[in-house]
C-alpha atoms as a PDB file:
ATOM      1  CA  UNK A   1       1.402   9.504  14.410  1.00  0.00           C
ATOM      2  CA  UNK A   2      -1.871   9.573  12.132  1.00  0.00           C
ATOM      3  CA  UNK A   3      -4.945   8.906  13.945  1.00  0.00           C
ATOM      4  CA  UNK A   4      -7.072   7.538  11.269  1.00  0.00           C
ATOM      5  CA  UNK A   5      -6.423   4.483   9.607  1.00  0.00           C
ATOM      6  CA  UNK A   6      -4.412   1.282  10.343  1.00  0.00           C
ATOM      7  CA  UNK A   7      -1.671   1.663  13.270  1.00  0.00           C
ATOM      8  CA  UNK A   8       0.618  -0.657  11.708  1.00  0.00           C
ATOM      9  CA  UNK A   9       0.261   0.529   8.335  1.00  0.00           C
ATOM     10  CA  UNK A  10       0.985   4.600   9.547  1.00  0.00           C
ATOM     11  CA  UNK A  11       4.285   3.153  11.487  1.00  0.00           C
ATOM     12  CA  UNK A  12       5.637   1.412   8.735  1.00  0.00           C
ATOM     13  CA  UNK A  13       5.033   4.551   6.233  1.00  0.00           C
ATOM     14  CA  UNK A  14       6.573   6.771   9.070  1.00  0.00           C
ATOM     15  CA  UNK A  15       9.543   4.443   9.413  1.00  0.00           C
ATOM     16  CA  UNK A  16      10.079   4.462   5.750  1.00  0.00           C
ATOM     17  CA  UNK A  17      10.085   8.121   5.658  1.00  0.00           C
ATOM     18  CA  UNK A  18      12.274   8.558   8.867  1.00  0.00           C
ATOM     19  CA  UNK A  19      14.883   6.484   6.628  1.00  0.00           C
ATOM     20  CA  UNK A  20      14.853   8.600   3.742  1.00  0.00           C
ATOM     21  CA  UNK A  21      14.758  11.684   6.429  1.00  0.00           C
ATOM     22  CA  UNK A  22      18.137  10.816   7.624  1.00  0.00           C
ATOM     23  CA  UNK A  23      19.633  10.041   4.111  1.00  0.00           C
ATOM     24  CA  UNK A  24      18.101  13.306   2.931  1.00  0.00           C
ATOM     25  CA  UNK A  25      19.834  14.873   5.760  1.00  0.00           C
ATOM     26  CA  UNK A  26      23.194  13.327   5.461  1.00  0.00           C
ATOM     27  CA  UNK A  27      23.270  14.562   1.751  1.00  0.00           C
ATOM     28  CA  UNK A  28      22.738  17.858   2.579  1.00  0.00           C
ATOM     29  CA  UNK A  29      25.195  17.832   5.328  1.00  0.00           C
ATOM     30  CA  UNK A  30      27.942  16.648   3.079  1.00  0.00           C
ATOM     31  CA  UNK A  31      27.356  19.809   0.718  1.00  0.00           C
ATOM     32  CA  UNK A  32      26.787  22.422   3.532  1.00  0.00           C
ATOM     33  CA  UNK A  33      28.177  21.003   6.663  1.00  0.00           C
ATOM     34  CA  UNK A  34      25.966  22.277   9.543  1.00  0.00           C
ATOM     35  CA  UNK A  35      27.266  20.051  12.396  1.00  0.00           C
ATOM     36  CA  UNK A  36      29.556  17.782  13.750  1.00  0.00           C
ATOM     37  CA  UNK A  37      27.429  14.925  13.205  1.00  0.00           C
ATOM     38  CA  UNK A  38      28.939  13.804   9.982  1.00  0.00           C
ATOM     39  CA  UNK A  39      30.377  10.502  11.184  1.00  0.00           C
ATOM     40  CA  UNK A  40      27.439   9.827  13.347  1.00  0.00           C
ATOM     41  CA  UNK A  41      25.146  10.471  10.104  1.00  0.00           C
ATOM     42  CA  UNK A  42      27.519   8.285   8.027  1.00  0.00           C
ATOM     43  CA  UNK A  43      27.433   5.344  10.428  1.00  0.00           C
ATOM     44  CA  UNK A  44      23.521   5.673  10.848  1.00  0.00           C
ATOM     45  CA  UNK A  45      22.822   6.248   7.060  1.00  0.00           C
ATOM     46  CA  UNK A  46      24.860   3.422   5.920  1.00  0.00           C
ATOM     47  CA  UNK A  47      22.553   1.195   7.511  1.00  0.00           C
ATOM     48  CA  UNK A  48      18.921   2.318   7.235  1.00  0.00           C
ATOM     49  CA  UNK A  49      18.734   1.705   3.900  1.00  0.00           C
ATOM     50  CA  UNK A  50      18.292  -1.673   4.926  1.00  0.00           C
ATOM     51  CA  UNK A  51      15.026  -0.923   5.973  1.00  0.00           C
ATOM     52  CA  UNK A  52      13.517   0.752   2.844  1.00  0.00           C
ATOM     53  CA  UNK A  53      12.560  -2.322   0.812  1.00  0.00           C
ATOM     54  CA  UNK A  54      11.285  -4.420   3.430  1.00  0.00           C
ATOM     55  CA  UNK A  55       9.054  -1.488   4.694  1.00  0.00           C
ATOM     56  CA  UNK A  56       7.970  -0.928   1.013  1.00  0.00           C
ATOM     57  CA  UNK A  57       7.213  -4.568   0.534  1.00  0.00           C
ATOM     58  CA  UNK A  58       5.036  -4.699   3.653  1.00  0.00           C
ATOM     59  CA  UNK A  59       3.236  -1.940   3.059  1.00  0.00           C
ATOM     60  CA  UNK A  60       2.346  -3.241  -0.526  1.00  0.00           C
ATOM     61  CA  UNK A  61       1.530  -6.394   1.225  1.00  0.00           C
ATOM     62  CA  UNK A  62      -0.686  -4.623   3.854  1.00  0.00           C
ATOM     63  CA  UNK A  63      -3.395  -3.457   1.525  1.00  0.00           C
ATOM     64  CA  UNK A  64      -4.169  -7.072   0.149  1.00  0.00           C
ATOM     65  CA  UNK A  65      -3.836  -9.078   3.410  1.00  0.00           C
ATOM     66  CA  UNK A  66      -3.295  -8.752   7.243  1.00  0.00           C
ATOM     67  CA  UNK A  67       0.414  -8.585   8.377  1.00  0.00           C
ATOM     68  CA  UNK A  68       1.665 -11.356  10.962  1.00  0.00           C
ATOM     69  CA  UNK A  69       3.743 -10.199  13.560  1.00  0.00           C
ATOM     70  CA  UNK A  70       6.046 -13.049  12.318  1.00  0.00           C
ATOM     71  CA  UNK A  71       6.147 -11.684   8.998  1.00  0.00           C
ATOM     72  CA  UNK A  72       7.177  -8.143   9.921  1.00  0.00           C
ATOM     73  CA  UNK A  73       9.798  -9.881  12.622  1.00  0.00           C
ATOM     74  CA  UNK A  74      11.163 -11.640   9.630  1.00  0.00           C
ATOM     75  CA  UNK A  75      11.751  -9.086   7.322  1.00  0.00           C
ATOM     76  CA  UNK A  76      12.623  -6.268   9.883  1.00  0.00           C
ATOM     77  CA  UNK A  77      14.984  -7.696  12.518  1.00  0.00           C
ATOM     78  CA  UNK A  78      17.773  -9.482  10.747  1.00  0.00           C
ATOM     79  CA  UNK A  79      18.833  -5.790   9.492  1.00  0.00           C
ATOM     80  CA  UNK A  80      18.136  -4.078  12.726  1.00  0.00           C
ATOM     81  CA  UNK A  81      21.239  -6.690  13.964  1.00  0.00           C
ATOM     82  CA  UNK A  82      23.399  -6.031  10.871  1.00  0.00           C
ATOM     83  CA  UNK A  83      22.998  -2.312  11.601  1.00  0.00           C
ATOM     84  CA  UNK A  84      23.830  -2.042  15.311  1.00  0.00           C
ATOM     85  CA  UNK A  85      26.777  -4.209  15.155  1.00  0.00           C
ATOM     86  CA  UNK A  86      28.519  -2.276  12.354  1.00  0.00           C
ATOM     87  CA  UNK A  87      27.409   1.045  14.118  1.00  0.00           C
ATOM     88  CA  UNK A  88      28.710   0.180  17.758  1.00  0.00           C
ATOM     89  CA  UNK A  89      31.916  -1.667  16.239  1.00  0.00           C
ATOM     90  CA  UNK A  90      32.184   0.794  13.160  1.00  0.00           C
ATOM     91  CA  UNK A  91      33.485  -1.826  10.826  1.00  0.00           C
ATOM     92  CA  UNK A  92      34.334   0.638   7.760  1.00  0.00           C
ATOM     93  CA  UNK A  93      36.233  -2.018   5.874  1.00  0.00           C
ATOM     94  CA  UNK A  94      33.445  -3.423   4.438  1.00  0.00           C
ATOM     95  CA  UNK A  95      31.050  -0.625   4.378  1.00  0.00           C
ATOM     96  CA  UNK A  96      31.209  -0.263   0.225  1.00  0.00           C
ATOM     97  CA  UNK A  97      30.415  -4.221   0.290  1.00  0.00           C
ATOM     98  CA  UNK A  98      27.512  -3.476   2.502  1.00  0.00           C
ATOM     99  CA  UNK A  99      26.454  -0.502   0.164  1.00  0.00           C
ATOM    100  CA  UNK A 100      26.601  -2.862  -2.880  1.00  0.00           C
ATOM    101  CA  UNK A 101      24.463  -5.660  -0.814  1.00  0.00           C
ATOM    102  CA  UNK A 102      21.666  -3.502   0.257  1.00  0.00           C
ATOM    103  CA  UNK A 103      21.141  -1.904  -3.140  1.00  0.00           C
ATOM    104  CA  UNK A 104      20.563  -5.453  -4.474  1.00  0.00           C
ATOM    105  CA  UNK A 105      18.520  -6.396  -1.432  1.00  0.00           C
ATOM    106  CA  UNK A 106      16.070  -3.582  -2.186  1.00  0.00           C
ATOM    107  CA  UNK A 107      15.853  -4.489  -5.795  1.00  0.00           C
ATOM    108  CA  UNK A 108      14.887  -7.868  -5.086  1.00  0.00           C
ATOM    109  CA  UNK A 109      12.284  -6.325  -2.434  1.00  0.00           C
ATOM    110  CA  UNK A 110      10.876  -4.068  -5.455  1.00  0.00           C
ATOM    111  CA  UNK A 111      10.762  -6.980  -7.523  1.00  0.00           C
ATOM    112  CA  UNK A 112       8.561  -8.731  -4.748  1.00  0.00           C
ATOM    113  CA  UNK A 113       6.599  -5.573  -4.763  1.00  0.00           C
ATOM    114  CA  UNK A 114       5.817  -5.263  -8.311  1.00  0.00           C
ATOM    115  CA  UNK A 115       5.229  -9.042  -8.732  1.00  0.00           C
ATOM    116  CA  UNK A 116       2.461  -8.504  -5.926  1.00  0.00           C
ATOM    117  CA  UNK A 117       1.019  -5.338  -7.128  1.00  0.00           C
ATOM    118  CA  UNK A 118       0.656  -7.217 -10.950  1.00  0.00           C
ATOM    119  CA  UNK A 119      -0.907 -10.269  -9.418  1.00  0.00           C
ATOM    120  CA  UNK A 120      -3.625  -8.406  -7.474  1.00  0.00           C
ATOM    121  CA  UNK A 121      -4.095  -5.491  -9.661  1.00  0.00           C
ATOM    122  CA  UNK A 122      -7.562  -6.341 -10.666  1.00  0.00           C
ATOM    123  CA  UNK A 123      -8.737  -7.144  -7.077  1.00  0.00           C
ATOM    124  CA  UNK A 124      -7.404  -3.431  -5.846  1.00  0.00           C
ATOM    125  CA  UNK A 125      -7.345  -1.593  -9.012  1.00  0.00           C
ATOM    126  CA  UNK A 126      -7.658   1.619  -6.952  1.00  0.00           C
ATOM    127  CA  UNK A 127      -4.327   0.983  -4.631  1.00  0.00           C
ATOM    128  CA  UNK A 128      -2.205  -0.406  -7.691  1.00  0.00           C
ATOM    129  CA  UNK A 129      -2.637   1.541 -10.469  1.00  0.00           C
ATOM    130  CA  UNK A 130      -0.874   4.565  -8.049  1.00  0.00           C
ATOM    131  CA  UNK A 131       1.504   2.676  -6.255  1.00  0.00           C
ATOM    132  CA  UNK A 132       2.605   0.713  -9.440  1.00  0.00           C
ATOM    133  CA  UNK A 133       4.102   3.919 -11.262  1.00  0.00           C
ATOM    134  CA  UNK A 134       5.970   4.623  -7.847  1.00  0.00           C
ATOM    135  CA  UNK A 135       7.328   1.139  -7.404  1.00  0.00           C
ATOM    136  CA  UNK A 136       8.597   1.462 -11.361  1.00  0.00           C
ATOM    137  CA  UNK A 137      10.364   4.885 -10.673  1.00  0.00           C
ATOM    138  CA  UNK A 138      12.350   3.593  -7.491  1.00  0.00           C
ATOM    139  CA  UNK A 139      13.083   0.332  -9.457  1.00  0.00           C
ATOM    140  CA  UNK A 140      14.824   2.590 -12.453  1.00  0.00           C
ATOM    141  CA  UNK A 141      16.384   4.784  -9.810  1.00  0.00           C
ATOM    142  CA  UNK A 142      17.828   2.004  -7.623  1.00  0.00           C
ATOM    143  CA  UNK A 143      19.320   0.293 -11.129  1.00  0.00           C
ATOM    144  CA  UNK A 144      20.820   3.403 -12.211  1.00  0.00           C
ATOM    145  CA  UNK A 145      22.576   3.728  -8.653  1.00  0.00           C
ATOM    146  CA  UNK A 146      23.715  -0.196  -9.055  1.00  0.00           C
ATOM    147  CA  UNK A 147      24.892   0.687 -12.396  1.00  0.00           C
ATOM    148  CA  UNK A 148      26.707   3.724 -11.245  1.00  0.00           C
ATOM    149  CA  UNK A 149      28.230   1.945  -8.301  1.00  0.00           C
ATOM    150  CA  UNK A 150      29.503  -0.886 -10.502  1.00  0.00           C
ATOM    151  CA  UNK A 151      31.278   1.402 -13.134  1.00  0.00           C
ATOM    152  CA  UNK A 152      33.054   3.509 -10.152  1.00  0.00           C
ATOM    153  CA  UNK A 153      34.249   0.131  -8.887  1.00  0.00           C
ATOM    154  CA  UNK A 154      36.016  -0.387 -12.276  1.00  0.00           C
ATOM    155  CA  UNK A 155      37.422   2.988 -11.966  1.00  0.00           C
ATOM    156  CA  UNK A 156      34.924   4.590 -14.215  1.00  0.00           C
ATOM    157  CA  UNK A 157      32.462   7.755 -13.192  1.00  0.00           C
ATOM    158  CA  UNK A 158      29.580   8.111 -15.097  1.00  0.00           C
ATOM    159  CA  UNK A 159      28.288  11.121 -12.917  1.00  0.00           C
ATOM    160  CA  UNK A 160      29.961  13.726 -10.828  1.00  0.00           C
ATOM    161  CA  UNK A 161      30.711  12.876  -7.480  1.00  0.00           C
ATOM    162  CA  UNK A 162      28.196  15.543  -6.355  1.00  0.00           C
ATOM    163  CA  UNK A 163      25.461  14.140  -8.486  1.00  0.00           C
ATOM    164  CA  UNK A 164      26.428  10.584  -7.165  1.00  0.00           C
ATOM    165  CA  UNK A 165      26.275  11.858  -3.643  1.00  0.00           C
ATOM    166  CA  UNK A 166      22.793  13.246  -4.183  1.00  0.00           C
ATOM    167  CA  UNK A 167      21.160   9.744  -5.726  1.00  0.00           C
ATOM    168  CA  UNK A 168      19.277   8.490  -2.571  1.00  0.00           C
ATOM    169  CA  UNK A 169      17.587  12.082  -1.899  1.00  0.00           C
ATOM    170  CA  UNK A 170      16.220  11.309  -5.287  1.00  0.00           C
ATOM    171  CA  UNK A 171      14.970   7.960  -4.199  1.00  0.00           C
ATOM    172  CA  UNK A 172      12.804   9.868  -1.565  1.00  0.00           C
ATOM    173  CA  UNK A 173      10.518  11.244  -4.224  1.00  0.00           C
ATOM    174  CA  UNK A 174       8.427   8.167  -4.779  1.00  0.00           C
ATOM    175  CA  UNK A 175       8.493   7.466  -1.356  1.00  0.00           C
ATOM    176  CA  UNK A 176       7.436  10.841  -0.009  1.00  0.00           C
ATOM    177  CA  UNK A 177       4.845  10.773  -2.869  1.00  0.00           C
ATOM    178  CA  UNK A 178       3.769   7.332  -1.523  1.00  0.00           C
ATOM    179  CA  UNK A 179       3.434   8.914   1.801  1.00  0.00           C
ATOM    180  CA  UNK A 180       1.450  11.948   0.602  1.00  0.00           C
ATOM    181  CA  UNK A 181      -1.199   9.511  -1.128  1.00  0.00           C
ATOM    182  CA  UNK A 182      -1.613   7.804   2.240  1.00  0.00           C
ATOM    183  CA  UNK A 183      -1.933  10.464   4.259  1.00  0.00           C
ATOM    184  CA  UNK A 184      -4.501  12.296   2.514  1.00  0.00           C
ATOM    185  CA  UNK A 185      -6.337   8.729   1.907  1.00  0.00           C
ATOM    186  CA  UNK A 186      -8.925   9.914   4.823  1.00  0.00           C
ATOM    187  CA  UNK A 187      -8.105  13.681   4.166  1.00  0.00           C
ATOM    188  CA  UNK A 188      -5.832  13.794   7.082  1.00  0.00           C
ATOM    189  CA  UNK A 189      -4.766  17.272   5.901  1.00  0.00           C
ATOM    190  CA  UNK A 190      -8.112  18.835   5.521  1.00  0.00           C
ATOM    191  CA  UNK A 191      -7.058  18.576   1.994  1.00  0.00           C
ATOM    192  CA  UNK A 192     -10.675  18.013   0.411  1.00  0.00           C
ATOM    193  CA  UNK A 193     -10.881  18.170  -3.236  1.00  0.00           C
ATOM    194  CA  UNK A 194     -14.055  19.747  -5.111  1.00  0.00           C
ATOM    195  CA  UNK A 195     -15.511  16.575  -6.746  1.00  0.00           C
ATOM    196  CA  UNK A 196     -17.767  16.462  -9.581  1.00  0.00           C
ATOM    197  CA  UNK A 197     -17.917  20.188 -10.058  1.00  0.00           C
ATOM    198  CA  UNK A 198     -18.171  19.975 -14.002  1.00  0.00           C
ATOM    199  CA  UNK A 199     -20.866  16.667 -13.632  1.00  0.00           C
ATOM    200  CA  UNK A 200     -23.840  18.213 -11.234  1.00  0.00           C
ATOM    201  CA  UNK A 201     -27.106  16.231 -11.229  1.00  0.00           C
ATOM    202  CA  UNK A 202     -30.137  17.681 -10.371  1.00  0.00           C
ATOM    203  CA  UNK A 203     -31.751  16.108  -6.956  1.00  0.00           C
ATOM    204  CA  UNK A 204     -34.514  14.360  -8.959  1.00  0.00           C
ATOM    205  CA  UNK A 205     -31.885  12.910 -11.547  1.00  0.00           C
ATOM    206  CA  UNK A 206     -29.882  11.737  -8.267  1.00  0.00           C
ATOM    207  CA  UNK A 207     -32.576  10.246  -6.383  1.00  0.00           C
ATOM    208  CA  UNK A 208     -33.708   8.404  -9.386  1.00  0.00           C
ATOM    209  CA  UNK A 209     -30.059   6.963 -10.056  1.00  0.00           C
ATOM    210  CA  UNK A 210     -29.683   6.151  -6.175  1.00  0.00           C
ATOM    211  CA  UNK A 211     -32.917   4.112  -6.622  1.00  0.00           C
ATOM    212  CA  UNK A 212     -31.623   2.255  -9.320  1.00  0.00           C
ATOM    213  CA  UNK A 213     -28.249   1.461  -7.803  1.00  0.00           C
ATOM    214  CA  UNK A 214     -29.831   0.318  -4.440  1.00  0.00           C
ATOM    215  CA  UNK A 215     -32.392  -1.970  -6.841  1.00  0.00           C
ATOM    216  CA  UNK A 216     -29.395  -3.322  -8.344  1.00  0.00           C
ATOM    217  CA  UNK A 217     -27.717  -4.344  -5.230  1.00  0.00           C
ATOM    218  CA  UNK A 218     -30.711  -5.308  -3.098  1.00  0.00           C
ATOM    219  CA  UNK A 219     -32.901  -6.909  -5.513  1.00  0.00           C
ATOM    220  CA  UNK A 220     -30.807  -8.185  -8.425  1.00  0.00           C
ATOM    221  CA  UNK A 221     -27.959  -8.999  -5.936  1.00  0.00           C
ATOM    222  CA  UNK A 222     -25.086  -7.490  -8.465  1.00  0.00           C
ATOM    223  CA  UNK A 223     -22.653  -7.826  -5.761  1.00  0.00           C
ATOM    224  CA  UNK A 224     -22.362 -11.368  -5.973  1.00  0.00           C
ATOM    225  CA  UNK A 225     -20.805 -11.254  -9.513  1.00  0.00           C
ATOM    226  CA  UNK A 226     -17.027 -11.993  -8.618  1.00  0.00           C
ATOM    227  CA  UNK A 227     -14.693  -9.152  -9.973  1.00  0.00           C
ATOM    228  CA  UNK A 228     -17.414  -6.902 -10.588  1.00  0.00           C
ATOM    229  CA  UNK A 229     -16.046  -3.559 -11.824  1.00  0.00           C
ATOM    230  CA  UNK A 230     -17.117  -0.113 -11.730  1.00  0.00           C
ATOM    231  CA  UNK A 231     -17.800  -0.290 -15.583  1.00  0.00           C
ATOM    232  CA  UNK A 232     -19.391  -3.737 -15.658  1.00  0.00           C
ATOM    233  CA  UNK A 233     -21.622  -2.564 -13.160  1.00  0.00           C
ATOM    234  CA  UNK A 234     -22.069   0.850 -15.080  1.00  0.00           C
ATOM    235  CA  UNK A 235     -23.041  -1.404 -18.151  1.00  0.00           C
ATOM    236  CA  UNK A 236     -25.564  -3.554 -16.045  1.00  0.00           C
ATOM    237  CA  UNK A 237     -27.528  -0.567 -14.568  1.00  0.00           C
ATOM    238  CA  UNK A 238     -27.173   1.745 -17.996  1.00  0.00           C
ATOM    239  CA  UNK A 239     -25.590   4.487 -15.714  1.00  0.00           C
ATOM    240  CA  UNK A 240     -22.652   6.454 -16.583  1.00  0.00           C
ATOM    241  CA  UNK A 241     -19.773   5.204 -14.028  1.00  0.00           C
ATOM    242  CA  UNK A 242     -19.115   8.787 -13.303  1.00  0.00           C
ATOM    243  CA  UNK A 243     -22.507   9.264 -12.340  1.00  0.00           C
ATOM    244  CA  UNK A 244     -22.831   6.076 -10.231  1.00  0.00           C
ATOM    245  CA  UNK A 245     -19.464   7.369  -7.920  1.00  0.00           C
ATOM    246  CA  UNK A 246     -20.731  10.746  -7.643  1.00  0.00           C
ATOM    247  CA  UNK A 247     -24.140   9.384  -6.555  1.00  0.00           C
ATOM    248  CA  UNK A 248     -22.722   6.892  -4.075  1.00  0.00           C
ATOM    249  CA  UNK A 249     -20.028   9.035  -2.679  1.00  0.00           C
ATOM    250  CA  UNK A 250     -22.370  12.484  -2.361  1.00  0.00           C
ATOM    251  CA  UNK A 251     -25.342  10.452  -0.942  1.00  0.00           C
ATOM    252  CA  UNK A 252     -24.030   7.546   0.979  1.00  0.00           C
ATOM    253  CA  UNK A 253     -19.837   8.991   1.555  1.00  0.00           C
ATOM    254  CA  UNK A 254     -18.735   5.570   0.078  1.00  0.00           C
ATOM    255  CA  UNK A 255     -16.487   5.013  -3.105  1.00  0.00           C
ATOM    256  CA  UNK A 256     -17.898   2.385  -5.057  1.00  0.00           C
ATOM    257  CA  UNK A 257     -15.784  -0.396  -3.984  1.00  0.00           C
ATOM    258  CA  UNK A 258     -16.670   0.365   0.018  1.00  0.00           C
ATOM    259  CA  UNK A 259     -20.320   0.576  -1.334  1.00  0.00           C
ATOM    260  CA  UNK A 260     -19.830  -3.121  -3.087  1.00  0.00           C
ATOM    261  CA  UNK A 261     -17.956  -4.454   0.032  1.00  0.00           C
ATOM    262  CA  UNK A 262     -20.222  -3.456   2.439  1.00  0.00           C
ATOM    263  CA  UNK A 263     -23.182  -5.825   0.638  1.00  0.00           C
ATOM    264  CA  UNK A 264     -20.650  -8.669   0.569  1.00  0.00           C
ATOM    265  CA  UNK A 265     -19.684  -8.474   4.030  1.00  0.00           C
ATOM    266  CA  UNK A 266     -23.422  -8.365   4.895  1.00  0.00           C
ATOM    267  CA  UNK A 267     -24.262 -11.452   2.553  1.00  0.00           C
ATOM    268  CA  UNK A 268     -21.270 -13.420   4.193  1.00  0.00           C
ATOM    269  CA  UNK A 269     -22.315 -12.642   7.655  1.00  0.00           C
ATOM    270  CA  UNK A 270     -25.821 -14.108   6.700  1.00  0.00           C
ATOM    271  CA  UNK A 271     -24.498 -17.178   5.001  1.00  0.00           C
ATOM    272  CA  UNK A 272     -22.125 -18.144   7.657  1.00  0.00           C
ATOM    273  CA  UNK A 273     -25.117 -18.330  10.076  1.00  0.00           C
ATOM    274  CA  UNK A 274     -27.472 -19.911   7.352  1.00  0.00           C
ATOM    275  CA  UNK A 275     -27.938 -23.565   8.350  1.00  0.00           C
ATOM    276  CA  UNK A 276     -28.228 -24.600   4.870  1.00  0.00           C
ATOM    277  CA  UNK A 277     -24.232 -23.559   4.520  1.00  0.00           C
ATOM    278  CA  UNK A 278     -23.229 -25.701   7.515  1.00  0.00           C
ATOM    279  CA  UNK A 279     -21.288 -28.123   4.895  1.00  0.00           C
ATOM    280  CA  UNK A 280     -19.521 -25.341   2.676  1.00  0.00           C
ATOM    281  CA  UNK A 281     -16.239 -24.195   3.647  1.00  0.00           C
ATOM    282  CA  UNK A 282     -15.337 -20.741   4.594  1.00  0.00           C
ATOM    283  CA  UNK A 283     -13.927 -20.246   1.316  1.00  0.00           C
ATOM    284  CA  UNK A 284     -17.165 -21.571  -0.376  1.00  0.00           C
ATOM    285  CA  UNK A 285     -18.805 -19.104   1.760  1.00  0.00           C
ATOM    286  CA  UNK A 286     -16.616 -16.225   0.767  1.00  0.00           C
ATOM    287  CA  UNK A 287     -17.264 -17.055  -2.806  1.00  0.00           C
ATOM    288  CA  UNK A 288     -20.853 -17.292  -2.477  1.00  0.00           C
ATOM    289  CA  UNK A 289     -20.998 -13.912  -1.239  1.00  0.00           C
ATOM    290  CA  UNK A 290     -19.014 -12.493  -4.197  1.00  0.00           C
ATOM    291  CA  UNK A 291     -15.575 -12.588  -2.763  1.00  0.00           C
ATOM    292  CA  UNK A 292     -12.832 -14.320  -5.260  1.00  0.00           C
ATOM    293  CA  UNK A 293     -10.005 -14.057  -2.990  1.00  0.00           C
ATOM    294  CA  UNK A 294     -10.032 -16.377   0.435  1.00  0.00           C
ATOM    295  CA  UNK A 295      -7.482 -14.161   2.312  1.00  0.00           C
ATOM    296  CA  UNK A 296      -8.691 -10.835   1.247  1.00  0.00           C
ATOM    297  CA  UNK A 297     -11.996 -11.981   2.541  1.00  0.00           C
ATOM    298  CA  UNK A 298     -10.377 -13.224   5.944  1.00  0.00           C
ATOM    299  CA  UNK A 299      -8.867  -9.485   5.857  1.00  0.00           C
ATOM    300  CA  UNK A 300     -11.641  -7.430   5.178  1.00  0.00           C
ATOM    301  CA  UNK A 301     -13.700  -9.574   7.291  1.00  0.00           C
ATOM    302  CA  UNK A 302     -11.842  -9.353  10.452  1.00  0.00           C
ATOM    303  CA  UNK A 303     -11.378  -5.647   9.751  1.00  0.00           C
ATOM    304  CA  UNK A 304     -14.914  -4.788   9.850  1.00  0.00           C
ATOM    305  CA  UNK A 305     -16.237  -7.341  12.436  1.00  0.00           C
ATOM    306  CA  UNK A 306     -12.745  -7.778  14.643  1.00  0.00           C
ATOM    307  CA  UNK A 307     -13.389 -11.610  14.289  1.00  0.00           C
ATOM    308  CA  UNK A 308     -12.475 -14.236  11.877  1.00  0.00           C
ATOM    309  CA  UNK A 309     -15.255 -15.958   9.959  1.00  0.00           C
ATOM    310  CA  UNK A 310     -15.078 -18.879  11.826  1.00  0.00           C
ATOM    311  CA  UNK A 311     -15.101 -16.801  15.247  1.00  0.00           C
ATOM    312  CA  UNK A 312     -17.926 -14.807  14.100  1.00  0.00           C
ATOM    313  CA  UNK A 313     -19.962 -18.116  13.099  1.00  0.00           C
ATOM    314  CA  UNK A 314     -19.211 -19.787  16.420  1.00  0.00           C
ATOM    315  CA  UNK A 315     -20.240 -16.773  18.575  1.00  0.00           C
ATOM    316  CA  UNK A 316     -23.298 -16.200  16.982  1.00  0.00           C
ATOM    317  CA  UNK A 317     -24.601 -19.835  17.081  1.00  0.00           C
END
């Protein structure tokens, strides 16, 4: 329901939170029955776990590349069929086996998510630096949950029944943390922390730093350096990184990565229309504009213009 940001991303995260809401309500209802919904909650909650792994994986992918409807379909639809079949026909004799399989499935998707995060960490450090701890925490909890079930299968109880029943609610902690971070990415809740409170710059110093930063981008074209980081840029312009972030944020309303992206996309648009680049591939143009990842360039370019690089090039001819 969040108005800002990407609608599909919001829907994926909303569905993920819904799954854990169902699991948490079922846990609460088990200990403190407040309705006759126990049988319905059991049949539904037994299957919402199917969607936790795929939804989390798609969410992680979305921050690096645009999701296709085919990718979403293949990762979600099969589990809808499994869930609907069991909910309608209520095949309770194999539910224990399904629970074990669903935990293994979540583990596989978590490993895929971690692998993707580590692979793309350098390009999207700001995002993956906080998403990875969430993934690690969830992997630990899921692994522990699987071990508990395996021991239970051999007749050994590692934890009291009450704690084991509450385990799925513990898994909600990293998920709701992710939701909190995502919802506040655009200050949707009106939470605007006081930034740079301990790093006040005079107006004169701010203007001096801003001129130096703009010169480095516009005249020296430092944005063309592949994998340029704030720390590297800081060394090149001889301004502390925290002051660079402060000046850009307070004067332009952008983060350093957004500021860098603005220049790279502007350069890409110019290069796409330059006749001297007619023999270059789209990826070649992306590289000449400072991008190191072709898929990320396509995603960011289309997000900015609403067109693929080729469509933009053909339309502007």
